[in-house]
Amino acid sequence: MNDYTITIIGIVVLALSTPLGAAMIFFFKNRIPPKLDTIFLGFAAGVMIAASIWSLLNPAIEQSSAWGQWSFVPAAGGFILGGLFLLLMDRVIPHFHSATNEEEGISTKNLKRSWKLFLAMTIHNIPEGLSVGFAFGVALAMKDNPNPSVTVLGALALSIGISIQNFPEGASVSLPMADVVKSRKKAFLMGALSGIVEPIFAIIGVLLASSITALMPWLLSFAAGAMMFVVAEELIPGAHIEKYEHLGTFGVMAGFVIMMILDVALG
């Protein structure tokens, strides 16, 4: 199986994960039990934290070795820019976080709450798609390098890890959507539609990272910063770990360990 086939498989797996998670709406009569929701969101946070470190920041630092003692600059700079990018989207795009009951973005009275919830889900999915795309793009650009900092299998591990956490995450956001739109079918369709941005931005990431090689470490760390922003801004607060601290904490740890194992085993 060649590198391009593995890349296509990774993006397809990513594309299917959110709709599959959203489909869980048909298996729950009401909202997901709070304890289970805490585990789901904690697990998603753990995966994204590990992915940011093992699959994105470490390779970014390795690729900046020519900077010598300043090799941290692209990783730190890209990380901060990724967070600022998500902050800008939060400030500009009107959206609603059901877990924290918080509305952000430009104030508008003409946009229904269901669409604001949909936009919150979509914003969340953008950095995940970019991270997978950047990883595959860097791996493809370095496929002839005897010691690549990112391999195609390592990028596939990232795609699998993100896809695993998309499943419970998709369930966690689709059920609140059903409460708003009063239709499970419509909530599923909107949840699945929000996941479309992941393969789209993954493809954009592949094209950018494979063609602008000088920016590779910046792009990888940018994706890491964007994902960490989502973890700190949305997943951890939404998990309400303070109510079920042990469940949420072990959810985070389980997600971190699984993503770390995937990266080491495949990468």
C-alpha atoms as a PDB file:
ATOM      1  CA  MET A   1       0.000   0.000   0.000  1.00  0.00           C
ATOM      2  CA  ASN A   2       1.599   3.289  -1.076  1.00  0.00           C
ATOM      3  CA  ASP A   3       1.718   6.547   0.852  1.00  0.00           C
ATOM      4  CA  TYR A   4      -1.039   8.219  -1.157  1.00  0.00           C
ATOM      5  CA  THR A   5      -3.440   5.333  -0.578  1.00  0.00           C
ATOM      6  CA  ILE A   6      -2.777   5.490   3.167  1.00  0.00           C
ATOM      7  CA  THR A   7      -3.414   9.245   3.066  1.00  0.00           C
ATOM      8  CA  ILE A   8      -6.765   8.735   1.331  1.00  0.00           C
ATOM      9  CA  ILE A   9      -7.727   6.054   3.868  1.00  0.00           C
ATOM     10  CA  GLY A  10      -6.827   8.377   6.745  1.00  0.00           C
ATOM     11  CA  ILE A  11      -8.985  11.192   5.384  1.00  0.00           C
ATOM     12  CA  VAL A  12     -11.919   8.857   4.644  1.00  0.00           C
ATOM     13  CA  VAL A  13     -11.771   7.440   8.189  1.00  0.00           C
ATOM     14  CA  LEU A  14     -11.787  10.998   9.515  1.00  0.00           C
ATOM     15  CA  ALA A  15     -14.774  11.892   7.329  1.00  0.00           C
ATOM     16  CA  LEU A  16     -16.849   8.957   8.600  1.00  0.00           C
ATOM     17  CA  SER A  17     -16.155   9.334  12.310  1.00  0.00           C
ATOM     18  CA  THR A  18     -18.348  12.328  13.179  1.00  0.00           C
ATOM     19  CA  PRO A  19     -21.447  11.030  11.309  1.00  0.00           C
ATOM     20  CA  LEU A  20     -21.048   7.664  13.072  1.00  0.00           C
ATOM     21  CA  GLY A  21     -20.857   9.432  16.425  1.00  0.00           C
ATOM     22  CA  ALA A  22     -23.844  11.609  15.562  1.00  0.00           C
ATOM     23  CA  ALA A  23     -25.811   8.443  14.734  1.00  0.00           C
ATOM     24  CA  MET A  24     -25.680   7.525  18.432  1.00  0.00           C
ATOM     25  CA  ILE A  25     -28.592   9.915  18.802  1.00  0.00           C
ATOM     26  CA  PHE A  26     -30.876   7.096  17.645  1.00  0.00           C
ATOM     27  CA  PHE A  27     -29.736   4.833  20.503  1.00  0.00           C
ATOM     28  CA  PHE A  28     -30.395   7.200  23.419  1.00  0.00           C
ATOM     29  CA  LYS A  29     -33.938   8.078  24.456  1.00  0.00           C
ATOM     30  CA  ASN A  30     -32.814  11.252  26.133  1.00  0.00           C
ATOM     31  CA  ARG A  31     -29.514  13.077  26.537  1.00  0.00           C
ATOM     32  CA  ILE A  32     -26.362  11.130  27.336  1.00  0.00           C
ATOM     33  CA  PRO A  33     -26.112  10.523  31.102  1.00  0.00           C
ATOM     34  CA  PRO A  34     -23.944  13.259  32.677  1.00  0.00           C
ATOM     35  CA  LYS A  35     -21.341  10.801  33.969  1.00  0.00           C
ATOM     36  CA  LEU A  36     -20.946   9.193  30.554  1.00  0.00           C
ATOM     37  CA  ASP A  37     -20.771  12.612  28.914  1.00  0.00           C
ATOM     38  CA  THR A  38     -17.965  13.572  31.295  1.00  0.00           C
ATOM     39  CA  ILE A  39     -16.022  10.451  30.278  1.00  0.00           C
ATOM     40  CA  PHE A  40     -16.650  11.110  26.573  1.00  0.00           C
ATOM     41  CA  LEU A  41     -15.506  14.740  26.661  1.00  0.00           C
ATOM     42  CA  GLY A  42     -12.580  13.971  28.975  1.00  0.00           C
ATOM     43  CA  PHE A  43     -11.473  11.206  26.607  1.00  0.00           C
ATOM     44  CA  ALA A  44     -11.674  13.594  23.641  1.00  0.00           C
ATOM     45  CA  ALA A  45      -9.575  16.132  25.547  1.00  0.00           C
ATOM     46  CA  GLY A  46      -6.937  13.504  26.368  1.00  0.00           C
ATOM     47  CA  VAL A  47      -6.653  12.427  22.729  1.00  0.00           C
ATOM     48  CA  MET A  48      -6.269  16.007  21.524  1.00  0.00           C
ATOM     49  CA  ILE A  49      -3.663  16.863  24.170  1.00  0.00           C
ATOM     50  CA  ALA A  50      -1.572  13.812  23.274  1.00  0.00           C
ATOM     51  CA  ALA A  51      -1.999  14.442  19.544  1.00  0.00           C
ATOM     52  CA  SER A  52      -0.843  18.037  19.985  1.00  0.00           C
ATOM     53  CA  ILE A  53       2.319  16.922  21.766  1.00  0.00           C
ATOM     54  CA  TRP A  54       3.327  13.650  20.104  1.00  0.00           C
ATOM     55  CA  SER A  55       2.061  14.107  16.571  1.00  0.00           C
ATOM     56  CA  LEU A  56       2.435  17.856  16.049  1.00  0.00           C
ATOM     57  CA  LEU A  57       4.704  19.746  18.465  1.00  0.00           C
ATOM     58  CA  ASN A  58       7.492  17.145  18.698  1.00  0.00           C
ATOM     59  CA  PRO A  59       7.836  16.893  14.890  1.00  0.00           C
ATOM     60  CA  ALA A  60       7.700  20.689  14.623  1.00  0.00           C
ATOM     61  CA  ILE A  61      10.631  21.004  17.027  1.00  0.00           C
ATOM     62  CA  GLU A  62      12.572  18.258  15.216  1.00  0.00           C
ATOM     63  CA  GLN A  63      12.115  20.022  11.886  1.00  0.00           C
ATOM     64  CA  SER A  64      13.471  23.246  13.387  1.00  0.00           C
ATOM     65  CA  SER A  65      16.783  21.701  14.500  1.00  0.00           C
ATOM     66  CA  ALA A  66      18.666  23.993  12.087  1.00  0.00           C
ATOM     67  CA  TRP A  67      17.622  26.916  14.293  1.00  0.00           C
ATOM     68  CA  GLY A  68      19.920  25.591  17.027  1.00  0.00           C
ATOM     69  CA  GLN A  69      19.071  26.956  20.455  1.00  0.00           C
ATOM     70  CA  TRP A  70      16.210  28.866  18.820  1.00  0.00           C
ATOM     71  CA  SER A  71      14.523  25.694  17.528  1.00  0.00           C
ATOM     72  CA  PHE A  72      11.601  26.362  19.838  1.00  0.00           C
ATOM     73  CA  VAL A  73      10.609  29.502  17.897  1.00  0.00           C
ATOM     74  CA  PRO A  74       8.540  27.881  15.083  1.00  0.00           C
ATOM     75  CA  ALA A  75       6.840  25.511  17.536  1.00  0.00           C
ATOM     76  CA  ALA A  76       6.043  28.245  20.053  1.00  0.00           C
ATOM     77  CA  GLY A  77       5.140  30.815  17.416  1.00  0.00           C
ATOM     78  CA  GLY A  78       2.877  28.495  15.454  1.00  0.00           C
ATOM     79  CA  PHE A  79       1.250  27.251  18.668  1.00  0.00           C
ATOM     80  CA  ILE A  80       0.351  30.794  19.734  1.00  0.00           C
ATOM     81  CA  LEU A  81      -0.907  31.680  16.242  1.00  0.00           C
ATOM     82  CA  GLY A  82      -3.145  28.595  16.250  1.00  0.00           C
ATOM     83  CA  GLY A  83      -4.715  29.671  19.529  1.00  0.00           C
ATOM     84  CA  LEU A  84      -5.184  33.241  18.280  1.00  0.00           C
ATOM     85  CA  PHE A  85      -6.818  31.922  15.103  1.00  0.00           C
ATOM     86  CA  LEU A  86      -9.426  30.035  17.146  1.00  0.00           C
ATOM     87  CA  LEU A  87      -9.882  33.061  19.401  1.00  0.00           C
ATOM     88  CA  LEU A  88     -10.619  35.198  16.330  1.00  0.00           C
ATOM     89  CA  MET A  89     -13.165  32.666  15.087  1.00  0.00           C
ATOM     90  CA  ASP A  90     -14.771  32.642  18.530  1.00  0.00           C
ATOM     91  CA  ARG A  91     -15.055  36.423  18.477  1.00  0.00           C
ATOM     92  CA  VAL A  92     -16.391  36.698  14.913  1.00  0.00           C
ATOM     93  CA  ILE A  93     -18.602  33.664  14.225  1.00  0.00           C
ATOM     94  CA  PRO A  94     -21.873  33.584  16.203  1.00  0.00           C
ATOM     95  CA  HIS A  95     -22.186  30.218  17.950  1.00  0.00           C
ATOM     96  CA  PHE A  96     -23.581  28.541  21.057  1.00  0.00           C
ATOM     97  CA  HIS A  97     -21.921  26.032  23.415  1.00  0.00           C
ATOM     98  CA  SER A  98     -24.600  23.775  24.876  1.00  0.00           C
ATOM     99  CA  ALA A  99     -22.322  22.220  27.496  1.00  0.00           C
ATOM    100  CA  THR A 100     -21.478  25.558  29.101  1.00  0.00           C
ATOM    101  CA  ASN A 101     -24.683  27.346  27.996  1.00  0.00           C
ATOM    102  CA  GLU A 102     -22.530  30.126  26.579  1.00  0.00           C
ATOM    103  CA  GLU A 103     -23.072  32.180  23.430  1.00  0.00           C
ATOM    104  CA  GLU A 104     -20.107  33.757  21.642  1.00  0.00           C
ATOM    105  CA  GLY A 105     -19.314  35.645  18.466  1.00  0.00           C
ATOM    106  CA  ILE A 106     -20.984  38.615  16.812  1.00  0.00           C
ATOM    107  CA  SER A 107     -24.415  39.189  18.286  1.00  0.00           C
ATOM    108  CA  THR A 108     -27.249  38.375  15.896  1.00  0.00           C
ATOM    109  CA  LYS A 109     -30.960  37.887  16.497  1.00  0.00           C
ATOM    110  CA  ASN A 110     -31.725  36.473  13.048  1.00  0.00           C
ATOM    111  CA  LEU A 111     -29.730  33.262  13.464  1.00  0.00           C
ATOM    112  CA  LYS A 112     -31.558  30.403  15.160  1.00  0.00           C
ATOM    113  CA  ARG A 113     -29.968  28.720  18.172  1.00  0.00           C
ATOM    114  CA  SER A 114     -29.806  25.431  16.242  1.00  0.00           C
ATOM    115  CA  TRP A 115     -27.510  27.015  13.653  1.00  0.00           C
ATOM    116  CA  LYS A 116     -25.419  28.651  16.368  1.00  0.00           C
ATOM    117  CA  LEU A 117     -24.966  25.222  17.934  1.00  0.00           C
ATOM    118  CA  PHE A 118     -24.102  23.829  14.498  1.00  0.00           C
ATOM    119  CA  LEU A 119     -21.467  26.541  13.994  1.00  0.00           C
ATOM    120  CA  ALA A 120     -19.932  25.749  17.397  1.00  0.00           C
ATOM    121  CA  MET A 121     -19.576  22.120  16.327  1.00  0.00           C
ATOM    122  CA  THR A 122     -18.101  23.180  12.989  1.00  0.00           C
ATOM    123  CA  ILE A 123     -15.523  25.545  14.536  1.00  0.00           C
ATOM    124  CA  HIS A 124     -14.426  22.710  16.812  1.00  0.00           C
ATOM    125  CA  ASN A 125     -13.849  20.380  13.848  1.00  0.00           C
ATOM    126  CA  ILE A 126     -11.663  22.750  11.800  1.00  0.00           C
ATOM    127  CA  PRO A 127      -8.407  22.382  13.804  1.00  0.00           C
ATOM    128  CA  GLU A 128      -8.830  18.604  13.901  1.00  0.00           C
ATOM    129  CA  GLY A 129      -9.057  18.456  10.112  1.00  0.00           C
ATOM    130  CA  LEU A 130      -6.084  20.786   9.726  1.00  0.00           C
ATOM    131  CA  SER A 131      -3.953  18.752  12.130  1.00  0.00           C
ATOM    132  CA  VAL A 132      -4.515  15.533  10.174  1.00  0.00           C
ATOM    133  CA  GLY A 133      -3.971  17.292   6.847  1.00  0.00           C
ATOM    134  CA  PHE A 134      -0.762  18.982   7.965  1.00  0.00           C
ATOM    135  CA  ALA A 135       0.572  15.678   9.323  1.00  0.00           C
ATOM    136  CA  PHE A 136      -0.104  13.834   6.059  1.00  0.00           C
ATOM    137  CA  GLY A 137       1.227  16.752   3.996  1.00  0.00           C
ATOM    138  CA  VAL A 138       4.491  16.869   5.923  1.00  0.00           C
ATOM    139  CA  ALA A 139       4.834  13.072   5.739  1.00  0.00           C
ATOM    140  CA  LEU A 140       4.320  13.072   1.960  1.00  0.00           C
ATOM    141  CA  ALA A 141       6.802  15.900   1.501  1.00  0.00           C
ATOM    142  CA  MET A 142       9.405  13.992   3.555  1.00  0.00           C
ATOM    143  CA  LYS A 143       8.724  10.484   2.200  1.00  0.00           C
ATOM    144  CA  ASP A 144      12.177  10.316   0.557  1.00  0.00           C
ATOM    145  CA  ASN A 145      13.918  11.511   3.727  1.00  0.00           C
ATOM    146  CA  PRO A 146      15.689   8.589   5.499  1.00  0.00           C
ATOM    147  CA  ASN A 147      14.803  10.041   8.913  1.00  0.00           C
ATOM    148  CA  PRO A 148      11.476  11.855   8.547  1.00  0.00           C
ATOM    149  CA  SER A 149      10.044  13.612  11.590  1.00  0.00           C
ATOM    150  CA  VAL A 150       6.554  12.581  10.478  1.00  0.00           C
ATOM    151  CA  THR A 151       5.760   9.336   8.645  1.00  0.00           C
ATOM    152  CA  VAL A 152       2.602   8.503   6.728  1.00  0.00           C
ATOM    153  CA  LEU A 153       1.812   5.807   9.291  1.00  0.00           C
ATOM    154  CA  GLY A 154       2.350   8.345  12.051  1.00  0.00           C
ATOM    155  CA  ALA A 155      -0.124  10.663  10.312  1.00  0.00           C
ATOM    156  CA  LEU A 156      -2.525   7.725  10.016  1.00  0.00           C
ATOM    157  CA  ALA A 157      -2.196   7.183  13.771  1.00  0.00           C
ATOM    158  CA  LEU A 158      -3.199  10.816  14.292  1.00  0.00           C
ATOM    159  CA  SER A 159      -6.176  10.363  11.970  1.00  0.00           C
ATOM    160  CA  ILE A 160      -7.289   7.225  13.831  1.00  0.00           C
ATOM    161  CA  GLY A 161      -6.882   8.937  17.208  1.00  0.00           C
ATOM    162  CA  ILE A 162      -8.900  11.983  16.142  1.00  0.00           C
ATOM    163  CA  SER A 163     -11.525   9.701  14.593  1.00  0.00           C
ATOM    164  CA  ILE A 164     -11.850   7.662  17.815  1.00  0.00           C
ATOM    165  CA  GLN A 165     -12.509  10.779  19.853  1.00  0.00           C
ATOM    166  CA  ASN A 166     -14.894  12.113  17.184  1.00  0.00           C
ATOM    167  CA  PHE A 167     -17.240   9.204  17.853  1.00  0.00           C
ATOM    168  CA  PRO A 168     -18.221  10.009  21.464  1.00  0.00           C
ATOM    169  CA  GLU A 169     -17.820  13.690  20.740  1.00  0.00           C
ATOM    170  CA  GLY A 170     -20.309  13.463  17.885  1.00  0.00           C
ATOM    171  CA  ALA A 171     -22.806  11.841  20.242  1.00  0.00           C
ATOM    172  CA  SER A 172     -22.205  14.499  22.890  1.00  0.00           C
ATOM    173  CA  VAL A 173     -23.112  17.341  20.550  1.00  0.00           C
ATOM    174  CA  SER A 174     -25.917  15.737  18.527  1.00  0.00           C
ATOM    175  CA  LEU A 175     -28.158  15.014  21.506  1.00  0.00           C
ATOM    176  CA  PRO A 176     -28.222  18.649  22.693  1.00  0.00           C
ATOM    177  CA  MET A 177     -28.955  19.572  19.077  1.00  0.00           C
ATOM    178  CA  ALA A 178     -32.040  17.305  19.188  1.00  0.00           C
ATOM    179  CA  ASP A 179     -33.304  19.253  22.202  1.00  0.00           C
ATOM    180  CA  VAL A 180     -33.063  22.457  20.175  1.00  0.00           C
ATOM    181  CA  VAL A 181     -34.441  21.335  16.793  1.00  0.00           C
ATOM    182  CA  LYS A 182     -36.949  18.843  18.268  1.00  0.00           C
ATOM    183  CA  SER A 183     -36.044  16.251  15.651  1.00  0.00           C
ATOM    184  CA  ARG A 184     -33.536  13.407  15.991  1.00  0.00           C
ATOM    185  CA  LYS A 185     -33.206  13.021  12.232  1.00  0.00           C
ATOM    186  CA  LYS A 186     -32.478  16.703  11.701  1.00  0.00           C
ATOM    187  CA  ALA A 187     -30.062  16.713  14.650  1.00  0.00           C
ATOM    188  CA  PHE A 188     -28.201  13.754  13.136  1.00  0.00           C
ATOM    189  CA  LEU A 189     -27.996  15.441   9.728  1.00  0.00           C
ATOM    190  CA  MET A 190     -26.677  18.682  11.238  1.00  0.00           C
ATOM    191  CA  GLY A 191     -24.176  16.768  13.387  1.00  0.00           C
ATOM    192  CA  ALA A 192     -22.971  14.796  10.362  1.00  0.00           C
ATOM    193  CA  LEU A 193     -22.818  17.942   8.241  1.00  0.00           C
ATOM    194  CA  SER A 194     -20.630  19.690  10.820  1.00  0.00           C
ATOM    195  CA  GLY A 195     -18.103  16.894  10.387  1.00  0.00           C
ATOM    196  CA  ILE A 196     -17.707  17.591   6.653  1.00  0.00           C
ATOM    197  CA  VAL A 197     -15.294  20.399   7.442  1.00  0.00           C
ATOM    198  CA  GLU A 198     -12.784  17.890   8.816  1.00  0.00           C
ATOM    199  CA  PRO A 199     -11.948  16.114   5.523  1.00  0.00           C
ATOM    200  CA  ILE A 200     -12.201  19.433   3.660  1.00  0.00           C
ATOM    201  CA  PHE A 201      -9.657  21.105   5.924  1.00  0.00           C
ATOM    202  CA  ALA A 202      -7.590  17.912   5.969  1.00  0.00           C
ATOM    203  CA  ILE A 203      -7.239  18.162   2.181  1.00  0.00           C
ATOM    204  CA  ILE A 204      -6.379  21.866   2.479  1.00  0.00           C
ATOM    205  CA  GLY A 205      -3.778  20.950   5.105  1.00  0.00           C
ATOM    206  CA  VAL A 206      -2.228  18.282   2.869  1.00  0.00           C
ATOM    207  CA  LEU A 207      -1.911  20.715  -0.039  1.00  0.00           C
ATOM    208  CA  LEU A 208      -0.419  23.486   2.112  1.00  0.00           C
ATOM    209  CA  ALA A 209       2.069  21.367   4.051  1.00  0.00           C
ATOM    210  CA  SER A 210       3.278  19.375   1.039  1.00  0.00           C
ATOM    211  CA  SER A 211       3.803  22.439  -1.150  1.00  0.00           C
ATOM    212  CA  ILE A 212       5.165  25.032   1.314  1.00  0.00           C
ATOM    213  CA  THR A 213       7.895  22.972   2.954  1.00  0.00           C
ATOM    214  CA  ALA A 214       9.521  25.946   4.702  1.00  0.00           C
ATOM    215  CA  LEU A 215       6.387  26.409   6.792  1.00  0.00           C
ATOM    216  CA  MET A 216       6.085  22.769   7.925  1.00  0.00           C
ATOM    217  CA  PRO A 217       7.006  23.295  11.601  1.00  0.00           C
ATOM    218  CA  TRP A 218       4.831  26.396  11.772  1.00  0.00           C
ATOM    219  CA  LEU A 219       1.827  24.586  10.299  1.00  0.00           C
ATOM    220  CA  LEU A 220       2.160  21.581  12.625  1.00  0.00           C
ATOM    221  CA  SER A 221       2.427  23.737  15.735  1.00  0.00           C
ATOM    222  CA  PHE A 222      -0.394  25.989  14.459  1.00  0.00           C
ATOM    223  CA  ALA A 223      -2.699  22.952  14.408  1.00  0.00           C
ATOM    224  CA  ALA A 224      -1.503  21.974  17.901  1.00  0.00           C
ATOM    225  CA  GLY A 225      -2.284  25.433  19.266  1.00  0.00           C
ATOM    226  CA  ALA A 226      -5.738  25.432  17.691  1.00  0.00           C
ATOM    227  CA  MET A 227      -6.543  22.024  19.185  1.00  0.00           C
ATOM    228  CA  MET A 228      -5.286  22.979  22.632  1.00  0.00           C
ATOM    229  CA  PHE A 229      -7.492  26.068  22.494  1.00  0.00           C
ATOM    230  CA  VAL A 230     -10.516  23.813  21.897  1.00  0.00           C
ATOM    231  CA  VAL A 231      -9.457  21.558  24.788  1.00  0.00           C
ATOM    232  CA  ALA A 232      -9.081  24.428  27.264  1.00  0.00           C
ATOM    233  CA  GLU A 233     -11.971  26.543  26.016  1.00  0.00           C
ATOM    234  CA  GLU A 234     -14.610  23.897  25.388  1.00  0.00           C
ATOM    235  CA  LEU A 235     -13.869  20.250  26.194  1.00  0.00           C
ATOM    236  CA  ILE A 236     -12.580  20.533  29.758  1.00  0.00           C
ATOM    237  CA  PRO A 237     -15.250  23.059  30.883  1.00  0.00           C
ATOM    238  CA  GLY A 238     -17.939  21.106  29.013  1.00  0.00           C
ATOM    239  CA  ALA A 239     -16.928  17.874  30.718  1.00  0.00           C
ATOM    240  CA  HIS A 240     -17.750  19.354  34.152  1.00  0.00           C
ATOM    241  CA  ILE A 241     -14.903  17.338  35.617  1.00  0.00           C
ATOM    242  CA  GLU A 242     -15.341  19.077  38.973  1.00  0.00           C
ATOM    243  CA  LYS A 243     -18.649  17.204  39.421  1.00  0.00           C
ATOM    244  CA  TYR A 244     -17.273  13.776  38.527  1.00  0.00           C
ATOM    245  CA  GLU A 245     -13.564  14.435  38.974  1.00  0.00           C
ATOM    246  CA  HIS A 246     -12.335  10.855  38.918  1.00  0.00           C
ATOM    247  CA  LEU A 247     -14.412   9.841  35.901  1.00  0.00           C
ATOM    248  CA  GLY A 248     -13.389  12.910  33.939  1.00  0.00           C
ATOM    249  CA  THR A 249      -9.752  12.661  34.960  1.00  0.00           C
ATOM    250  CA  PHE A 250      -9.488   9.020  33.968  1.00  0.00           C
ATOM    251  CA  GLY A 251     -11.271   9.854  30.721  1.00  0.00           C
ATOM    252  CA  VAL A 252      -8.538  12.394  29.941  1.00  0.00           C
ATOM    253  CA  MET A 253      -5.807   9.937  30.918  1.00  0.00           C
ATOM    254  CA  ALA A 254      -7.326   7.117  28.839  1.00  0.00           C
ATOM    255  CA  GLY A 255      -7.553   9.346  25.771  1.00  0.00           C
ATOM    256  CA  PHE A 256      -3.973  10.536  26.243  1.00  0.00           C
ATOM    257  CA  VAL A 257      -2.585   7.011  26.648  1.00  0.00           C
ATOM    258  CA  ILE A 258      -4.465   5.615  23.634  1.00  0.00           C
ATOM    259  CA  MET A 259      -3.270   8.444  21.383  1.00  0.00           C
ATOM    260  CA  MET A 260       0.280   8.072  22.660  1.00  0.00           C
ATOM    261  CA  ILE A 261       0.228   4.321  21.979  1.00  0.00           C
ATOM    262  CA  LEU A 262      -1.119   4.873  18.471  1.00  0.00           C
ATOM    263  CA  ASP A 263       1.574   7.436  17.702  1.00  0.00           C
ATOM    264  CA  VAL A 264       4.437   5.315  19.037  1.00  0.00           C
ATOM    265  CA  ALA A 265       3.166   2.044  17.545  1.00  0.00           C
ATOM    266  CA  LEU A 266       2.451   3.405  14.074  1.00  0.00           C
ATOM    267  CA  GLY A 267       4.731   6.421  13.937  1.00  0.00           C
END
